[in-house]
PDB file of N, CA and C in Angstrom:
ATOM      1  N   MET A   1     176.418  -4.830 102.434  1.00  0.00           N
ATOM      2  CA  MET A   1     177.346  -5.015 101.334  1.00  0.00           C
ATOM      3  C   MET A   1     177.272  -6.453 100.897  1.00  0.00           C
ATOM      4  N   PRO A   2     177.040  -6.719  99.638  1.00  0.00           N
ATOM      5  CA  PRO A   2     176.895  -8.077  99.179  1.00  0.00           C
ATOM      6  C   PRO A   2     178.203  -8.837  99.163  1.00  0.00           C
ATOM      7  N   ALA A   3     178.118 -10.090  99.479  1.00  0.00           N
ATOM      8  CA  ALA A   3     179.280 -10.970  99.386  1.00  0.00           C
ATOM      9  C   ALA A   3     179.285 -11.576  97.999  1.00  0.00           C
ATOM     10  N   GLU A   4     180.360 -12.158  97.622  1.00  0.00           N
ATOM     11  CA  GLU A   4     180.480 -12.817  96.327  1.00  0.00           C
ATOM     12  C   GLU A   4     179.652 -14.082  96.347  1.00  0.00           C
ATOM     13  N   TYR A   5     178.951 -14.327  95.231  1.00  0.00           N
ATOM     14  CA  TYR A   5     178.145 -15.518  95.111  1.00  0.00           C
ATOM     15  C   TYR A   5     178.973 -16.786  94.889  1.00  0.00           C
ATOM     16  N   ASP A   6     180.181 -16.615  94.485  1.00  0.00           N
ATOM     17  CA  ASP A   6     181.027 -17.785  94.202  1.00  0.00           C
ATOM     18  C   ASP A   6     181.769 -18.309  95.440  1.00  0.00           C
ATOM     19  N   GLN A   7     181.570 -17.725  96.575  1.00  0.00           N
ATOM     20  CA  GLN A   7     182.255 -18.232  97.757  1.00  0.00           C
ATOM     21  C   GLN A   7     181.592 -19.522  98.204  1.00  0.00           C
ATOM     22  N   ASP A   8     182.439 -20.450  98.674  1.00  0.00           N
ATOM     23  CA  ASP A   8     181.987 -21.796  99.000  1.00  0.00           C
ATOM     24  C   ASP A   8     181.017 -21.844 100.217  1.00  0.00           C
ATOM     25  N   CYS A   9     181.367 -21.125 101.222  1.00  0.00           N
ATOM     26  CA  CYS A   9     180.555 -21.217 102.466  1.00  0.00           C
ATOM     27  C   CYS A   9     179.805 -19.931 102.683  1.00  0.00           C
ATOM     28  N   ARG A  10     178.551 -20.091 103.084  1.00  0.00           N
ATOM     29  CA  ARG A  10     177.742 -18.877 103.360  1.00  0.00           C
ATOM     30  C   ARG A  10     177.239 -18.862 104.808  1.00  0.00           C
ATOM     31  N   CYS A  11     177.978 -19.487 105.672  1.00  0.00           N
ATOM     32  CA  CYS A  11     177.606 -19.446 107.094  1.00  0.00           C
ATOM     33  C   CYS A  11     177.844 -18.007 107.586  1.00  0.00           C
ATOM     34  N   GLN A  12     177.304 -17.713 108.788  1.00  0.00           N
ATOM     35  CA  GLN A  12     177.429 -16.350 109.304  1.00  0.00           C
ATOM     36  C   GLN A  12     178.859 -15.913 109.452  1.00  0.00           C
ATOM     37  N   THR A  13     179.743 -16.763 109.935  1.00  0.00           N
ATOM     38  CA  THR A  13     181.146 -16.414 110.072  1.00  0.00           C
ATOM     39  C   THR A  13     181.814 -16.070 108.738  1.00  0.00           C
ATOM     40  N   CYS A  14     181.622 -16.953 107.762  1.00  0.00           N
ATOM     41  CA  CYS A  14     182.268 -16.709 106.459  1.00  0.00           C
ATOM     42  C   CYS A  14     181.689 -15.505 105.734  1.00  0.00           C
ATOM     43  N   LEU A  15     180.384 -15.287 105.850  1.00  0.00           N
ATOM     44  CA  LEU A  15     179.780 -14.089 105.273  1.00  0.00           C
ATOM     45  C   LEU A  15     180.305 -12.825 105.945  1.00  0.00           C
ATOM     46  N   SER A  16     180.427 -12.852 107.270  1.00  0.00           N
ATOM     47  CA  SER A  16     180.930 -11.703 108.008  1.00  0.00           C
ATOM     48  C   SER A  16     182.361 -11.385 107.609  1.00  0.00           C
ATOM     49  N   LYS A  17     183.195 -12.406 107.434  1.00  0.00           N
ATOM     50  CA  LYS A  17     184.561 -12.205 107.013  1.00  0.00           C
ATOM     51  C   LYS A  17     184.650 -11.669 105.605  1.00  0.00           C
ATOM     52  N   ALA A  18     183.793 -12.158 104.705  1.00  0.00           N
ATOM     53  CA  ALA A  18     183.786 -11.664 103.320  1.00  0.00           C
ATOM     54  C   ALA A  18     183.318 -10.203 103.279  1.00  0.00           C
ATOM     55  N   ILE A  19     182.318  -9.858 104.069  1.00  0.00           N
ATOM     56  CA  ILE A  19     181.856  -8.462 104.095  1.00  0.00           C
ATOM     57  C   ILE A  19     182.930  -7.572 104.710  1.00  0.00           C
ATOM     58  N   ALA A  20     183.577  -8.055 105.769  1.00  0.00           N
ATOM     59  CA  ALA A  20     184.646  -7.278 106.368  1.00  0.00           C
ATOM     60  C   ALA A  20     185.784  -6.973 105.388  1.00  0.00           C
ATOM     61  N   ASP A  21     186.098  -7.958 104.536  1.00  0.00           N
ATOM     62  CA  ASP A  21     187.103  -7.755 103.476  1.00  0.00           C
ATOM     63  C   ASP A  21     186.683  -6.669 102.513  1.00  0.00           C
ATOM     64  N   LYS A  22     185.428  -6.680 102.110  1.00  0.00           N
ATOM     65  CA  LYS A  22     184.875  -5.652 101.214  1.00  0.00           C
ATOM     66  C   LYS A  22     184.907  -4.284 101.853  1.00  0.00           C
ATOM     67  N   ILE A  23     184.528  -4.228 103.115  1.00  0.00           N
ATOM     68  CA  ILE A  23     184.576  -2.944 103.835  1.00  0.00           C
ATOM     69  C   ILE A  23     185.994  -2.420 103.877  1.00  0.00           C
ATOM     70  N   GLU A  24     186.947  -3.279 104.187  1.00  0.00           N
ATOM     71  CA  GLU A  24     188.385  -2.845 104.197  1.00  0.00           C
ATOM     72  C   GLU A  24     188.795  -2.284 102.847  1.00  0.00           C
ATOM     73  N   GLN A  25     188.367  -2.910 101.745  1.00  0.00           N
ATOM     74  CA  GLN A  25     188.704  -2.425 100.456  1.00  0.00           C
ATOM     75  C   GLN A  25     188.090  -1.043 100.180  1.00  0.00           C
ATOM     76  N   VAL A  26     186.872  -0.838 100.604  1.00  0.00           N
ATOM     77  CA  VAL A  26     186.206   0.479 100.436  1.00  0.00           C
ATOM     78  C   VAL A  26     186.961   1.515 101.261  1.00  0.00           C
ATOM     79  N   ILE A  27     187.378   1.188 102.463  1.00  0.00           N
ATOM     80  CA  ILE A  27     188.092   2.114 103.310  1.00  0.00           C
ATOM     81  C   ILE A  27     189.421   2.504 102.629  1.00  0.00           C
ATOM     82  N   GLN A  28     190.106   1.522 102.102  1.00  0.00           N
ATOM     83  CA  GLN A  28     191.416   1.791 101.437  1.00  0.00           C
ATOM     84  C   GLN A  28     191.264   2.600 100.178  1.00  0.00           C
ATOM     85  N   ASP A  29     190.153   2.422  99.453  1.00  0.00           N
ATOM     86  CA  ASP A  29     189.988   3.026  98.131  1.00  0.00           C
ATOM     87  C   ASP A  29     189.384   4.429  98.161  1.00  0.00           C
ATOM     88  N   ASN A  30     188.967   4.912  99.333  1.00  0.00           N
ATOM     89  CA  ASN A  30     188.225   6.157  99.441  1.00  0.00           C
ATOM     90  C   ASN A  30     188.881   7.081 100.470  1.00  0.00           C
ATOM     91  N   THR A  31     188.483   8.344 100.450  1.00  0.00           N
ATOM     92  CA  THR A  31     188.959   9.276 101.419  1.00  0.00           C
ATOM     93  C   THR A  31     188.247   9.086 102.764  1.00  0.00           C
ATOM     94  N   LEU A  32     188.824   9.576 103.811  1.00  0.00           N
ATOM     95  CA  LEU A  32     188.216   9.464 105.117  1.00  0.00           C
ATOM     96  C   LEU A  32     186.861  10.130 105.131  1.00  0.00           C
ATOM     97  N   GLU A  33     186.714  11.270 104.469  1.00  0.00           N
ATOM     98  CA  GLU A  33     185.458  11.984 104.441  1.00  0.00           C
ATOM     99  C   GLU A  33     184.380  11.146 103.774  1.00  0.00           C
ATOM    100  N   HIS A  34     184.709  10.505 102.635  1.00  0.00           N
ATOM    101  CA  HIS A  34     183.746   9.663 101.926  1.00  0.00           C
ATOM    102  C   HIS A  34     183.342   8.474 102.778  1.00  0.00           C
ATOM    103  N   VAL A  35     184.291   7.831 103.436  1.00  0.00           N
ATOM    104  CA  VAL A  35     184.011   6.619 104.222  1.00  0.00           C
ATOM    105  C   VAL A  35     183.174   7.046 105.461  1.00  0.00           C
ATOM    106  N   LEU A  36     183.484   8.185 106.081  1.00  0.00           N
ATOM    107  CA  LEU A  36     182.667   8.665 107.176  1.00  0.00           C
ATOM    108  C   LEU A  36     181.220   8.887 106.783  1.00  0.00           C
ATOM    109  N   LEU A  37     181.018   9.459 105.594  1.00  0.00           N
ATOM    110  CA  LEU A  37     179.662   9.673 105.123  1.00  0.00           C
ATOM    111  C   LEU A  37     178.967   8.313 104.909  1.00  0.00           C
ATOM    112  N   LEU A  38     179.655   7.359 104.344  1.00  0.00           N
ATOM    113  CA  LEU A  38     179.078   6.019 104.172  1.00  0.00           C
ATOM    114  C   LEU A  38     178.761   5.381 105.522  1.00  0.00           C
ATOM    115  N   ALA A  39     179.714   5.442 106.450  1.00  0.00           N
ATOM    116  CA  ALA A  39     179.537   4.808 107.762  1.00  0.00           C
ATOM    117  C   ALA A  39     178.452   5.483 108.575  1.00  0.00           C
ATOM    118  N   SER A  40     178.220   6.758 108.360  1.00  0.00           N
ATOM    119  CA  SER A  40     177.185   7.480 109.141  1.00  0.00           C
ATOM    120  C   SER A  40     175.789   6.949 108.868  1.00  0.00           C
ATOM    121  N   GLN A  41     175.602   6.181 107.816  1.00  0.00           N
ATOM    122  CA  GLN A  41     174.325   5.597 107.521  1.00  0.00           C
ATOM    123  C   GLN A  41     174.019   4.380 108.408  1.00  0.00           C
ATOM    124  N   TYR A  42     175.018   3.941 109.079  1.00  0.00           N
ATOM    125  CA  TYR A  42     174.905   2.743 109.946  1.00  0.00           C
ATOM    126  C   TYR A  42     175.208   3.194 111.378  1.00  0.00           C
ATOM    127  N   ASP A  43     174.755   2.435 112.319  1.00  0.00           N
ATOM    128  CA  ASP A  43     175.130   2.767 113.695  1.00  0.00           C
ATOM    129  C   ASP A  43     175.406   1.477 114.438  1.00  0.00           C
ATOM    130  N   ASN A  44     175.841   1.610 115.636  1.00  0.00           N
ATOM    131  CA  ASN A  44     176.213   0.402 116.437  1.00  0.00           C
ATOM    132  C   ASN A  44     175.114   0.060 117.431  1.00  0.00           C
ATOM    133  N   LYS A  45     173.943   0.637 117.271  1.00  0.00           N
ATOM    134  CA  LYS A  45     172.867   0.449 118.219  1.00  0.00           C
ATOM    135  C   LYS A  45     172.193  -0.912 118.065  1.00  0.00           C
ATOM    136  N   ASN A  46     172.253  -1.523 116.864  1.00  0.00           N
ATOM    137  CA  ASN A  46     171.568  -2.776 116.598  1.00  0.00           C
ATOM    138  C   ASN A  46     172.452  -3.979 116.974  1.00  0.00           C
ATOM    139  N   GLY A  47     173.515  -3.745 117.676  1.00  0.00           N
ATOM    140  CA  GLY A  47     174.384  -4.845 118.042  1.00  0.00           C
ATOM    141  C   GLY A  47     175.611  -4.892 117.127  1.00  0.00           C
ATOM    142  N   LEU A  48     176.630  -5.495 117.640  1.00  0.00           N
ATOM    143  CA  LEU A  48     177.886  -5.563 116.893  1.00  0.00           C
ATOM    144  C   LEU A  48     177.984  -6.957 116.249  1.00  0.00           C
ATOM    145  N   ILE A  49     178.686  -7.036 115.147  1.00  0.00           N
ATOM    146  CA  ILE A  49     178.830  -8.270 114.399  1.00  0.00           C
ATOM    147  C   ILE A  49     180.323  -8.650 114.418  1.00  0.00           C
ATOM    148  N   GLU A  50     180.570  -9.849 114.913  1.00  0.00           N
ATOM    149  CA  GLU A  50     181.947 -10.347 114.976  1.00  0.00           C
ATOM    150  C   GLU A  50     182.563 -10.406 113.568  1.00  0.00           C
ATOM    151  N   TYR A  51     183.780 -10.014 113.437  1.00  0.00           N
ATOM    152  CA  TYR A  51     184.582  -9.946 112.220  1.00  0.00           C
ATOM    153  C   TYR A  51     184.289  -8.666 111.433  1.00  0.00           C
ATOM    154  N   ILE A  52     183.127  -8.041 111.591  1.00  0.00           N
ATOM    155  CA  ILE A  52     182.857  -6.798 110.916  1.00  0.00           C
ATOM    156  C   ILE A  52     183.124  -5.622 111.865  1.00  0.00           C
ATOM    157  N   ASP A  53     182.572  -5.675 113.054  1.00  0.00           N
ATOM    158  CA  ASP A  53     182.754  -4.614 114.027  1.00  0.00           C
ATOM    159  C   ASP A  53     183.913  -4.881 115.035  1.00  0.00           C
ATOM    160  N   TYR A  54     184.197  -6.129 115.231  1.00  0.00           N
ATOM    161  CA  TYR A  54     185.226  -6.472 116.216  1.00  0.00           C
ATOM    162  C   TYR A  54     185.725  -7.898 115.941  1.00  0.00           C
ATOM    163  N   THR A  55     186.861  -8.202 116.515  1.00  0.00           N
ATOM    164  CA  THR A  55     187.382  -9.567 116.644  1.00  0.00           C
ATOM    165  C   THR A  55     187.723  -9.778 118.137  1.00  0.00           C
ATOM    166  N   LEU A  56     187.835 -11.032 118.481  1.00  0.00           N
ATOM    167  CA  LEU A  56     188.220 -11.365 119.849  1.00  0.00           C
ATOM    168  C   LEU A  56     189.688 -11.874 119.828  1.00  0.00           C
ATOM    169  N   GLU A  57     190.458 -11.252 120.666  1.00  0.00           N
ATOM    170  CA  GLU A  57     191.863 -11.701 120.842  1.00  0.00           C
ATOM    171  C   GLU A  57     192.114 -11.914 122.326  1.00  0.00           C
ATOM    172  N   TYR A  58     192.405 -13.119 122.665  1.00  0.00           N
ATOM    173  CA  TYR A  58     192.655 -13.498 124.052  1.00  0.00           C
ATOM    174  C   TYR A  58     191.524 -13.086 124.970  1.00  0.00           C
ATOM    175  N   GLY A  59     190.278 -13.192 124.459  1.00  0.00           N
ATOM    176  CA  GLY A  59     189.100 -12.860 125.221  1.00  0.00           C
ATOM    177  C   GLY A  59     188.762 -11.366 125.283  1.00  0.00           C
ATOM    178  N   GLU A  60     189.540 -10.545 124.570  1.00  0.00           N
ATOM    179  CA  GLU A  60     189.320  -9.104 124.578  1.00  0.00           C
ATOM    180  C   GLU A  60     188.785  -8.623 123.235  1.00  0.00           C
ATOM    181  N   PHE A  61     187.884  -7.650 123.248  1.00  0.00           N
ATOM    182  CA  PHE A  61     187.352  -7.109 122.039  1.00  0.00           C
ATOM    183  C   PHE A  61     188.394  -6.208 121.394  1.00  0.00           C
ATOM    184  N   VAL A  62     188.600  -6.385 120.099  1.00  0.00           N
ATOM    185  CA  VAL A  62     189.434  -5.491 119.285  1.00  0.00           C
ATOM    186  C   VAL A  62     188.493  -4.894 118.251  1.00  0.00           C
ATOM    187  N   TYR A  63     188.184  -3.634 118.375  1.00  0.00           N
ATOM    188  CA  TYR A  63     187.209  -3.017 117.491  1.00  0.00           C
ATOM    189  C   TYR A  63     187.881  -2.689 116.171  1.00  0.00           C
ATOM    190  N   SER A  64     187.120  -2.897 115.095  1.00  0.00           N
ATOM    191  CA  SER A  64     187.608  -2.665 113.720  1.00  0.00           C
ATOM    192  C   SER A  64     187.596  -1.184 113.353  1.00  0.00           C
ATOM    193  N   GLN A  65     188.245  -0.899 112.290  1.00  0.00           N
ATOM    194  CA  GLN A  65     188.200   0.481 111.768  1.00  0.00           C
ATOM    195  C   GLN A  65     186.796   0.854 111.382  1.00  0.00           C
ATOM    196  N   TRP A  66     186.009  -0.094 110.832  1.00  0.00           N
ATOM    197  CA  TRP A  66     184.639   0.157 110.470  1.00  0.00           C
ATOM    198  C   TRP A  66     183.802   0.534 111.684  1.00  0.00           C
ATOM    199  N   TYR A  67     184.003  -0.190 112.794  1.00  0.00           N
ATOM    200  CA  TYR A  67     183.306   0.181 114.037  1.00  0.00           C
ATOM    201  C   TYR A  67     183.557   1.606 114.429  1.00  0.00           C
ATOM    202  N   HIS A  68     184.830   1.996 114.403  1.00  0.00           N
ATOM    203  CA  HIS A  68     185.211   3.361 114.781  1.00  0.00           C
ATOM    204  C   HIS A  68     184.618   4.400 113.841  1.00  0.00           C
ATOM    205  N   LEU A  69     184.571   4.072 112.554  1.00  0.00           N
ATOM    206  CA  LEU A  69     183.993   4.992 111.585  1.00  0.00           C
ATOM    207  C   LEU A  69     182.487   5.143 111.793  1.00  0.00           C
ATOM    208  N   LYS A  70     181.799   4.052 112.120  1.00  0.00           N
ATOM    209  CA  LYS A  70     180.375   4.136 112.441  1.00  0.00           C
ATOM    210  C   LYS A  70     180.153   4.910 113.715  1.00  0.00           C
ATOM    211  N   ARG A  71     181.042   4.809 114.646  1.00  0.00           N
ATOM    212  CA  ARG A  71     180.952   5.538 115.903  1.00  0.00           C
ATOM    213  C   ARG A  71     181.013   7.033 115.667  1.00  0.00           C
ATOM    214  N   GLY A  72     181.843   7.457 114.721  1.00  0.00           N
ATOM    215  CA  GLY A  72     181.855   8.867 114.319  1.00  0.00           C
ATOM    216  C   GLY A  72     182.877   9.757 114.976  1.00  0.00           C
ATOM    217  N   THR A  73     183.461   9.286 116.069  1.00  0.00           N
ATOM    218  CA  THR A  73     184.476  10.110 116.770  1.00  0.00           C
ATOM    219  C   THR A  73     185.518   9.192 117.410  1.00  0.00           C
ATOM    220  N   CYS A  74     186.603   9.804 117.753  1.00  0.00           N
ATOM    221  CA  CYS A  74     187.637   9.053 118.440  1.00  0.00           C
ATOM    222  C   CYS A  74     187.290   8.995 119.956  1.00  0.00           C
ATOM    223  N   CYS A  75     187.485   7.837 120.558  1.00  0.00           N
ATOM    224  CA  CYS A  75     187.139   7.690 121.985  1.00  0.00           C
ATOM    225  C   CYS A  75     188.352   8.063 122.866  1.00  0.00           C
ATOM    226  N   GLY A  76     189.547   8.281 122.304  1.00  0.00           N
ATOM    227  CA  GLY A  76     190.686   8.659 123.057  1.00  0.00           C
ATOM    228  C   GLY A  76     191.390   7.576 123.757  1.00  0.00           C
ATOM    229  N   ASN A  77     191.104   6.301 123.451  1.00  0.00           N
ATOM    230  CA  ASN A  77     191.750   5.155 124.104  1.00  0.00           C
ATOM    231  C   ASN A  77     192.928   4.569 123.340  1.00  0.00           C
ATOM    232  N   SER A  78     193.386   5.274 122.314  1.00  0.00           N
ATOM    233  CA  SER A  78     194.496   4.813 121.459  1.00  0.00           C
ATOM    234  C   SER A  78     194.211   3.404 120.901  1.00  0.00           C
ATOM    235  N   CYS A  79     193.060   3.233 120.333  1.00  0.00           N
ATOM    236  CA  CYS A  79     192.676   1.934 119.743  1.00  0.00           C
ATOM    237  C   CYS A  79     193.528   1.570 118.584  1.00  0.00           C
ATOM    238  N   ARG A  80     193.815   0.315 118.429  1.00  0.00           N
ATOM    239  CA  ARG A  80     194.669  -0.173 117.356  1.00  0.00           C
ATOM    240  C   ARG A  80     194.224   0.242 115.963  1.00  0.00           C
ATOM    241  N   TYR A  81     192.924   0.211 115.680  1.00  0.00           N
ATOM    242  CA  TYR A  81     192.424   0.506 114.314  1.00  0.00           C
ATOM    243  C   TYR A  81     191.720   1.850 114.219  1.00  0.00           C
ATOM    244  N   CYS A  82     192.054   2.768 115.086  1.00  0.00           N
ATOM    245  CA  CYS A  82     191.420   4.097 115.056  1.00  0.00           C
ATOM    246  C   CYS A  82     191.774   4.806 113.743  1.00  0.00           C
ATOM    247  N   PRO A  83     190.766   5.246 112.963  1.00  0.00           N
ATOM    248  CA  PRO A  83     191.064   5.945 111.724  1.00  0.00           C
ATOM    249  C   PRO A  83     191.237   7.450 111.885  1.00  0.00           C
ATOM    250  N   TYR A  84     191.132   7.942 113.128  1.00  0.00           N
ATOM    251  CA  TYR A  84     191.154   9.391 113.351  1.00  0.00           C
ATOM    252  C   TYR A  84     192.504   9.885 113.696  1.00  0.00           C
TER     253      TYR A  84
END
């Protein structure tokens, strides 16, 4: 997903945050079925990206809604951002 060209910083962290914001907007603007179809084109096998797939809170991974959508199923751990 492209980031805006007018953003000041294009370091990995800022780009990841900008892309995460765009992903959140897509999730909010579409149905679960549509977003699942979109997410199914990606997988978590190539590694996770901080701010897009997870954030760190007190040294613990907090997986994003996008991560769970790419995963394709609920893991049953009552995750904070579980879309299922």
